[in-house]
């Protein structure tokens, strides 16, 4: 079994203990509050700034055919981060497949920060083709986590496409602490794509934000 999938399964166990953590995020139900819906109704709120740290050096592009993960988008990954596709083993049962799914999307790629000295991942999820609205997909993605609060959405331009970003807080019951996570979504003809950054804690999340910002700045829809 691939290392990336193993990491997802371990994270799924932690999710079962009540932590959204830096995991693939099994669909665990609705958010504890209504703030995501309220934010959408009131318009975009300014997301938590994610550019306080120096810009990340690029380690190359991801998403094109021949790269570690073939995706309907391309973006640059930070130097030393290692990307690997997430594949469900042949014959896997529904419970295993469920560990790879969060809301309307399923994990297809993870980019490991450990080679760069951090504890966490950027994970890429993809949904089925259709007329999915990026904001609606992102709201459903966040709502599938437990103990979520303080969601703040904003739109941005990814090449010629309009994408949506969210920052939010998650209570990690296993560790009895609250931490920040970021995610973004964009619609493509091949299905919606969500890119998510978690992290062990707020310190690790902050240290990895430049890599997320690099992906955001260079995100382009290709298929």
C-alpha atoms as a PDB file:
ATOM      1  CA  UNK A   1       0.000   0.000   0.000  1.00  0.00           C
ATOM      2  CA  UNK A   2       1.316   3.426  -0.887  1.00  0.00           C
ATOM      3  CA  UNK A   3       2.794   5.573   1.855  1.00  0.00           C
ATOM      4  CA  UNK A   4       0.381   8.397   1.085  1.00  0.00           C
ATOM      5  CA  UNK A   5      -2.635   6.190   1.578  1.00  0.00           C
ATOM      6  CA  UNK A   6      -1.197   4.897   4.846  1.00  0.00           C
ATOM      7  CA  UNK A   7      -0.913   8.474   6.091  1.00  0.00           C
ATOM      8  CA  UNK A   8      -4.537   9.069   5.201  1.00  0.00           C
ATOM      9  CA  UNK A   9      -5.645   5.966   7.114  1.00  0.00           C
ATOM     10  CA  UNK A  10      -3.709   7.018  10.222  1.00  0.00           C
ATOM     11  CA  UNK A  11      -5.271  10.467  10.001  1.00  0.00           C
ATOM     12  CA  UNK A  12      -8.669   8.839   9.669  1.00  0.00           C
ATOM     13  CA  UNK A  13      -8.160   7.097  12.997  1.00  0.00           C
ATOM     14  CA  UNK A  14      -7.395  10.428  14.624  1.00  0.00           C
ATOM     15  CA  UNK A  15     -10.503  11.917  13.028  1.00  0.00           C
ATOM     16  CA  UNK A  16     -12.510   9.146  14.643  1.00  0.00           C
ATOM     17  CA  UNK A  17     -11.188  10.317  18.002  1.00  0.00           C
ATOM     18  CA  UNK A  18     -12.745  13.742  17.404  1.00  0.00           C
ATOM     19  CA  UNK A  19      -9.870  15.576  15.738  1.00  0.00           C
ATOM     20  CA  UNK A  20     -10.147  16.987  12.250  1.00  0.00           C
ATOM     21  CA  UNK A  21      -6.361  17.241  12.400  1.00  0.00           C
ATOM     22  CA  UNK A  22      -4.218  17.276   9.304  1.00  0.00           C
ATOM     23  CA  UNK A  23      -6.181  14.441   7.809  1.00  0.00           C
ATOM     24  CA  UNK A  24      -8.006  13.422   4.703  1.00  0.00           C
ATOM     25  CA  UNK A  25     -11.209  14.159   6.615  1.00  0.00           C
ATOM     26  CA  UNK A  26     -13.866  11.489   6.638  1.00  0.00           C
ATOM     27  CA  UNK A  27     -17.324  12.990   6.178  1.00  0.00           C
ATOM     28  CA  UNK A  28     -18.257  13.319   9.835  1.00  0.00           C
ATOM     29  CA  UNK A  29     -21.319  15.540   9.658  1.00  0.00           C
ATOM     30  CA  UNK A  30     -22.139  19.210   9.784  1.00  0.00           C
ATOM     31  CA  UNK A  31     -20.140  22.027  11.279  1.00  0.00           C
ATOM     32  CA  UNK A  32     -20.958  22.853  14.872  1.00  0.00           C
ATOM     33  CA  UNK A  33     -22.076  26.342  13.855  1.00  0.00           C
ATOM     34  CA  UNK A  34     -23.788  28.110  10.976  1.00  0.00           C
ATOM     35  CA  UNK A  35     -21.029  30.584  10.318  1.00  0.00           C
ATOM     36  CA  UNK A  36     -20.122  29.231   6.868  1.00  0.00           C
ATOM     37  CA  UNK A  37     -23.651  29.733   5.625  1.00  0.00           C
ATOM     38  CA  UNK A  38     -23.888  33.096   7.353  1.00  0.00           C
ATOM     39  CA  UNK A  39     -20.607  34.207   5.794  1.00  0.00           C
ATOM     40  CA  UNK A  40     -21.896  33.346   2.335  1.00  0.00           C
ATOM     41  CA  UNK A  41     -25.128  35.195   2.985  1.00  0.00           C
ATOM     42  CA  UNK A  42     -23.337  38.328   4.153  1.00  0.00           C
ATOM     43  CA  UNK A  43     -20.732  38.275   1.413  1.00  0.00           C
ATOM     44  CA  UNK A  44     -17.044  37.560   1.545  1.00  0.00           C
ATOM     45  CA  UNK A  45     -15.174  38.140   4.756  1.00  0.00           C
ATOM     46  CA  UNK A  46     -11.471  38.769   4.657  1.00  0.00           C
ATOM     47  CA  UNK A  47      -9.702  35.476   5.287  1.00  0.00           C
ATOM     48  CA  UNK A  48      -7.019  35.159   7.927  1.00  0.00           C
ATOM     49  CA  UNK A  49      -3.863  36.653   6.386  1.00  0.00           C
ATOM     50  CA  UNK A  50      -1.593  33.952   5.048  1.00  0.00           C
ATOM     51  CA  UNK A  51       1.292  36.030   3.767  1.00  0.00           C
ATOM     52  CA  UNK A  52       3.041  36.974   6.995  1.00  0.00           C
ATOM     53  CA  UNK A  53       5.969  34.624   6.342  1.00  0.00           C
ATOM     54  CA  UNK A  54       8.503  34.927   3.506  1.00  0.00           C
ATOM     55  CA  UNK A  55       7.422  33.537   0.153  1.00  0.00           C
ATOM     56  CA  UNK A  56       8.214  29.866  -0.421  1.00  0.00           C
ATOM     57  CA  UNK A  57      10.759  28.871  -3.045  1.00  0.00           C
ATOM     58  CA  UNK A  58       9.234  26.793  -5.828  1.00  0.00           C
ATOM     59  CA  UNK A  59      10.100  23.120  -6.132  1.00  0.00           C
ATOM     60  CA  UNK A  60       8.342  22.724  -9.486  1.00  0.00           C
ATOM     61  CA  UNK A  61       4.871  22.411 -10.961  1.00  0.00           C
ATOM     62  CA  UNK A  62       2.331  19.725 -10.086  1.00  0.00           C
ATOM     63  CA  UNK A  63      -0.759  18.556 -11.937  1.00  0.00           C
ATOM     64  CA  UNK A  64       0.359  18.063 -15.527  1.00  0.00           C
ATOM     65  CA  UNK A  65       0.606  14.607 -17.069  1.00  0.00           C
ATOM     66  CA  UNK A  66       3.892  13.050 -16.035  1.00  0.00           C
ATOM     67  CA  UNK A  67       3.995  14.863 -12.691  1.00  0.00           C
ATOM     68  CA  UNK A  68       3.512  13.026  -9.398  1.00  0.00           C
ATOM     69  CA  UNK A  69      -0.226  13.779  -9.513  1.00  0.00           C
ATOM     70  CA  UNK A  70      -2.173  14.280 -12.740  1.00  0.00           C
ATOM     71  CA  UNK A  71      -4.891  16.857 -11.988  1.00  0.00           C
ATOM     72  CA  UNK A  72      -7.275  19.177 -13.854  1.00  0.00           C
ATOM     73  CA  UNK A  73      -5.285  22.062 -12.384  1.00  0.00           C
ATOM     74  CA  UNK A  74      -1.612  22.938 -12.095  1.00  0.00           C
ATOM     75  CA  UNK A  75       0.185  24.793  -9.315  1.00  0.00           C
ATOM     76  CA  UNK A  76       3.691  25.086  -7.913  1.00  0.00           C
ATOM     77  CA  UNK A  77       4.812  23.170  -4.855  1.00  0.00           C
ATOM     78  CA  UNK A  78       7.333  24.442  -2.332  1.00  0.00           C
ATOM     79  CA  UNK A  79      10.926  23.285  -2.508  1.00  0.00           C
ATOM     80  CA  UNK A  80      11.622  19.934  -0.778  1.00  0.00           C
ATOM     81  CA  UNK A  81       7.924  19.092  -0.350  1.00  0.00           C
ATOM     82  CA  UNK A  82       7.209  15.637  -1.784  1.00  0.00           C
ATOM     83  CA  UNK A  83       4.043  14.940  -3.781  1.00  0.00           C
ATOM     84  CA  UNK A  84       2.461  11.517  -4.159  1.00  0.00           C
ATOM     85  CA  UNK A  85      -0.857  10.398  -5.617  1.00  0.00           C
ATOM     86  CA  UNK A  86      -3.481   8.848  -3.355  1.00  0.00           C
ATOM     87  CA  UNK A  87      -4.943   5.662  -4.770  1.00  0.00           C
ATOM     88  CA  UNK A  88      -7.616   3.400  -3.347  1.00  0.00           C
ATOM     89  CA  UNK A  89      -6.387  -0.215  -3.469  1.00  0.00           C
ATOM     90  CA  UNK A  90      -8.301  -2.530  -5.782  1.00  0.00           C
ATOM     91  CA  UNK A  91     -11.084  -4.281  -3.898  1.00  0.00           C
ATOM     92  CA  UNK A  92     -11.107  -1.784  -1.026  1.00  0.00           C
ATOM     93  CA  UNK A  93     -14.374  -1.729   0.899  1.00  0.00           C
ATOM     94  CA  UNK A  94     -16.627   1.293   1.341  1.00  0.00           C
ATOM     95  CA  UNK A  95     -15.242   2.167   4.782  1.00  0.00           C
ATOM     96  CA  UNK A  96     -11.728   2.493   3.373  1.00  0.00           C
ATOM     97  CA  UNK A  97     -12.927   4.596   0.462  1.00  0.00           C
ATOM     98  CA  UNK A  98     -14.811   6.759   2.962  1.00  0.00           C
ATOM     99  CA  UNK A  99     -11.609   7.692   4.752  1.00  0.00           C
ATOM    100  CA  UNK A 100     -10.451   9.360   1.554  1.00  0.00           C
ATOM    101  CA  UNK A 101     -13.637  11.400   1.179  1.00  0.00           C
ATOM    102  CA  UNK A 102     -14.548  14.730   2.752  1.00  0.00           C
ATOM    103  CA  UNK A 103     -17.933  16.109   1.823  1.00  0.00           C
ATOM    104  CA  UNK A 104     -18.317  16.174  -1.988  1.00  0.00           C
ATOM    105  CA  UNK A 105     -14.664  15.479  -2.839  1.00  0.00           C
ATOM    106  CA  UNK A 106     -12.161  12.636  -2.540  1.00  0.00           C
ATOM    107  CA  UNK A 107      -8.425  12.805  -1.850  1.00  0.00           C
ATOM    108  CA  UNK A 108      -6.299  12.306  -4.956  1.00  0.00           C
ATOM    109  CA  UNK A 109      -2.898  13.748  -4.028  1.00  0.00           C
ATOM    110  CA  UNK A 110      -0.889  14.708  -0.961  1.00  0.00           C
ATOM    111  CA  UNK A 111       2.212  16.836  -0.676  1.00  0.00           C
ATOM    112  CA  UNK A 112       4.302  15.971   2.370  1.00  0.00           C
ATOM    113  CA  UNK A 113       6.087  18.754   4.262  1.00  0.00           C
ATOM    114  CA  UNK A 114       8.355  16.472   6.286  1.00  0.00           C
ATOM    115  CA  UNK A 115      11.276  16.629   3.794  1.00  0.00           C
ATOM    116  CA  UNK A 116      11.138  20.410   4.286  1.00  0.00           C
ATOM    117  CA  UNK A 117      11.217  20.041   8.075  1.00  0.00           C
ATOM    118  CA  UNK A 118       7.530  20.508   8.906  1.00  0.00           C
ATOM    119  CA  UNK A 119       4.774  18.230  10.183  1.00  0.00           C
ATOM    120  CA  UNK A 120       1.802  18.354   7.854  1.00  0.00           C
ATOM    121  CA  UNK A 121       0.491  18.004   4.335  1.00  0.00           C
ATOM    122  CA  UNK A 122      -1.157  19.910   1.558  1.00  0.00           C
ATOM    123  CA  UNK A 123      -3.833  17.573   0.234  1.00  0.00           C
ATOM    124  CA  UNK A 124      -5.700  17.825  -3.037  1.00  0.00           C
ATOM    125  CA  UNK A 125      -9.266  16.566  -3.410  1.00  0.00           C
ATOM    126  CA  UNK A 126     -11.389  16.234  -6.536  1.00  0.00           C
ATOM    127  CA  UNK A 127     -15.127  15.870  -7.081  1.00  0.00           C
ATOM    128  CA  UNK A 128     -17.228  14.535  -9.916  1.00  0.00           C
ATOM    129  CA  UNK A 129     -17.754  16.570 -13.102  1.00  0.00           C
ATOM    130  CA  UNK A 130     -20.806  18.810 -13.132  1.00  0.00           C
ATOM    131  CA  UNK A 131     -21.896  22.365 -12.533  1.00  0.00           C
ATOM    132  CA  UNK A 132     -20.523  22.487  -9.000  1.00  0.00           C
ATOM    133  CA  UNK A 133     -20.092  25.955  -7.555  1.00  0.00           C
ATOM    134  CA  UNK A 134     -16.670  26.389  -5.934  1.00  0.00           C
ATOM    135  CA  UNK A 135     -18.081  28.184  -2.883  1.00  0.00           C
ATOM    136  CA  UNK A 136     -20.748  25.543  -2.312  1.00  0.00           C
ATOM    137  CA  UNK A 137     -18.174  22.758  -2.626  1.00  0.00           C
ATOM    138  CA  UNK A 138     -15.862  24.489  -0.145  1.00  0.00           C
ATOM    139  CA  UNK A 139     -18.692  25.062   2.327  1.00  0.00           C
ATOM    140  CA  UNK A 140     -19.638  21.380   2.147  1.00  0.00           C
ATOM    141  CA  UNK A 141     -15.984  20.389   2.549  1.00  0.00           C
ATOM    142  CA  UNK A 142     -15.655  22.461   5.731  1.00  0.00           C
ATOM    143  CA  UNK A 143     -19.032  21.316   7.054  1.00  0.00           C
ATOM    144  CA  UNK A 144     -17.816  17.697   6.850  1.00  0.00           C
ATOM    145  CA  UNK A 145     -15.301  18.391   9.645  1.00  0.00           C
ATOM    146  CA  UNK A 146     -16.146  18.341  13.348  1.00  0.00           C
ATOM    147  CA  UNK A 147     -15.871  21.263  15.747  1.00  0.00           C
ATOM    148  CA  UNK A 148     -15.377  23.981  13.113  1.00  0.00           C
ATOM    149  CA  UNK A 149     -15.814  27.695  13.810  1.00  0.00           C
ATOM    150  CA  UNK A 150     -14.803  31.157  12.569  1.00  0.00           C
ATOM    151  CA  UNK A 151     -15.009  30.334   8.859  1.00  0.00           C
ATOM    152  CA  UNK A 152     -13.935  33.299   6.718  1.00  0.00           C
ATOM    153  CA  UNK A 153     -14.345  33.122   2.940  1.00  0.00           C
ATOM    154  CA  UNK A 154     -12.893  35.241   0.163  1.00  0.00           C
ATOM    155  CA  UNK A 155     -12.765  34.966  -3.606  1.00  0.00           C
ATOM    156  CA  UNK A 156      -9.613  35.290  -5.700  1.00  0.00           C
ATOM    157  CA  UNK A 157      -8.589  34.924  -9.327  1.00  0.00           C
ATOM    158  CA  UNK A 158      -6.708  31.827 -10.481  1.00  0.00           C
ATOM    159  CA  UNK A 159      -5.694  32.617 -14.043  1.00  0.00           C
ATOM    160  CA  UNK A 160      -9.025  33.072 -15.836  1.00  0.00           C
ATOM    161  CA  UNK A 161     -11.028  31.222 -13.172  1.00  0.00           C
ATOM    162  CA  UNK A 162     -12.636  32.513  -9.984  1.00  0.00           C
ATOM    163  CA  UNK A 163     -11.687  30.501  -6.912  1.00  0.00           C
ATOM    164  CA  UNK A 164     -12.686  30.659  -3.243  1.00  0.00           C
ATOM    165  CA  UNK A 165     -10.493  30.435  -0.138  1.00  0.00           C
ATOM    166  CA  UNK A 166     -11.487  29.788   3.465  1.00  0.00           C
ATOM    167  CA  UNK A 167      -9.695  29.959   6.781  1.00  0.00           C
ATOM    168  CA  UNK A 168     -11.291  28.368   9.816  1.00  0.00           C
ATOM    169  CA  UNK A 169     -10.620  27.133  13.317  1.00  0.00           C
ATOM    170  CA  UNK A 170     -10.895  23.492  14.385  1.00  0.00           C
ATOM    171  CA  UNK A 171     -11.072  22.189  17.941  1.00  0.00           C
ATOM    172  CA  UNK A 172      -8.874  19.099  18.257  1.00  0.00           C
ATOM    173  CA  UNK A 173     -10.547  17.215  21.065  1.00  0.00           C
ATOM    174  CA  UNK A 174      -7.780  14.636  21.336  1.00  0.00           C
ATOM    175  CA  UNK A 175      -5.259  17.388  22.132  1.00  0.00           C
ATOM    176  CA  UNK A 176      -7.763  19.795  23.735  1.00  0.00           C
ATOM    177  CA  UNK A 177      -6.649  22.698  21.567  1.00  0.00           C
ATOM    178  CA  UNK A 178      -7.887  24.810  18.668  1.00  0.00           C
ATOM    179  CA  UNK A 179      -5.937  25.382  15.478  1.00  0.00           C
ATOM    180  CA  UNK A 180      -6.327  27.118  12.123  1.00  0.00           C
ATOM    181  CA  UNK A 181      -6.690  25.429   8.745  1.00  0.00           C
ATOM    182  CA  UNK A 182      -6.922  26.802   5.195  1.00  0.00           C
ATOM    183  CA  UNK A 183      -8.532  25.448   2.058  1.00  0.00           C
ATOM    184  CA  UNK A 184      -9.404  26.694  -1.408  1.00  0.00           C
ATOM    185  CA  UNK A 185     -11.654  25.444  -4.175  1.00  0.00           C
ATOM    186  CA  UNK A 186     -11.957  25.991  -7.910  1.00  0.00           C
ATOM    187  CA  UNK A 187     -14.364  24.515 -10.444  1.00  0.00           C
ATOM    188  CA  UNK A 188     -13.018  22.692 -13.508  1.00  0.00           C
ATOM    189  CA  UNK A 189     -14.711  20.811 -16.378  1.00  0.00           C
ATOM    190  CA  UNK A 190     -13.338  17.602 -14.830  1.00  0.00           C
ATOM    191  CA  UNK A 191     -14.863  18.346 -11.427  1.00  0.00           C
ATOM    192  CA  UNK A 192     -14.217  20.698  -8.498  1.00  0.00           C
ATOM    193  CA  UNK A 193     -10.766  20.721  -6.907  1.00  0.00           C
ATOM    194  CA  UNK A 194     -10.090  21.504  -3.241  1.00  0.00           C
ATOM    195  CA  UNK A 195      -6.590  22.168  -1.891  1.00  0.00           C
ATOM    196  CA  UNK A 196      -6.304  21.922   1.904  1.00  0.00           C
ATOM    197  CA  UNK A 197      -3.598  22.765   4.429  1.00  0.00           C
ATOM    198  CA  UNK A 198      -3.872  21.538   8.006  1.00  0.00           C
ATOM    199  CA  UNK A 199      -0.881  20.903  10.257  1.00  0.00           C
ATOM    200  CA  UNK A 200      -0.038  19.456  13.641  1.00  0.00           C
ATOM    201  CA  UNK A 201      -0.773  22.739  15.414  1.00  0.00           C
ATOM    202  CA  UNK A 202      -0.922  26.496  14.778  1.00  0.00           C
ATOM    203  CA  UNK A 203       2.860  26.835  14.792  1.00  0.00           C
ATOM    204  CA  UNK A 204       3.288  24.184  12.095  1.00  0.00           C
ATOM    205  CA  UNK A 205       0.366  25.578  10.123  1.00  0.00           C
ATOM    206  CA  UNK A 206       1.870  29.059  10.122  1.00  0.00           C
ATOM    207  CA  UNK A 207       5.255  27.695   9.069  1.00  0.00           C
ATOM    208  CA  UNK A 208       3.637  25.898   6.120  1.00  0.00           C
ATOM    209  CA  UNK A 209       1.402  28.767   4.956  1.00  0.00           C
ATOM    210  CA  UNK A 210       3.962  30.051   2.409  1.00  0.00           C
ATOM    211  CA  UNK A 211       3.669  26.713   0.588  1.00  0.00           C
ATOM    212  CA  UNK A 212      -0.124  27.060   0.517  1.00  0.00           C
ATOM    213  CA  UNK A 213       0.191  30.644  -0.720  1.00  0.00           C
ATOM    214  CA  UNK A 214       2.526  29.487  -3.484  1.00  0.00           C
ATOM    215  CA  UNK A 215      -0.066  26.945  -4.626  1.00  0.00           C
ATOM    216  CA  UNK A 216      -2.773  29.610  -4.477  1.00  0.00           C
ATOM    217  CA  UNK A 217      -0.792  32.198  -6.468  1.00  0.00           C
ATOM    218  CA  UNK A 218       0.147  29.753  -9.205  1.00  0.00           C
ATOM    219  CA  UNK A 219      -3.144  27.822  -9.436  1.00  0.00           C
ATOM    220  CA  UNK A 220      -4.458  27.421 -12.992  1.00  0.00           C
ATOM    221  CA  UNK A 221      -7.298  25.330 -14.425  1.00  0.00           C
ATOM    222  CA  UNK A 222      -6.076  23.100 -17.252  1.00  0.00           C
ATOM    223  CA  UNK A 223      -8.802  20.514 -17.919  1.00  0.00           C
END
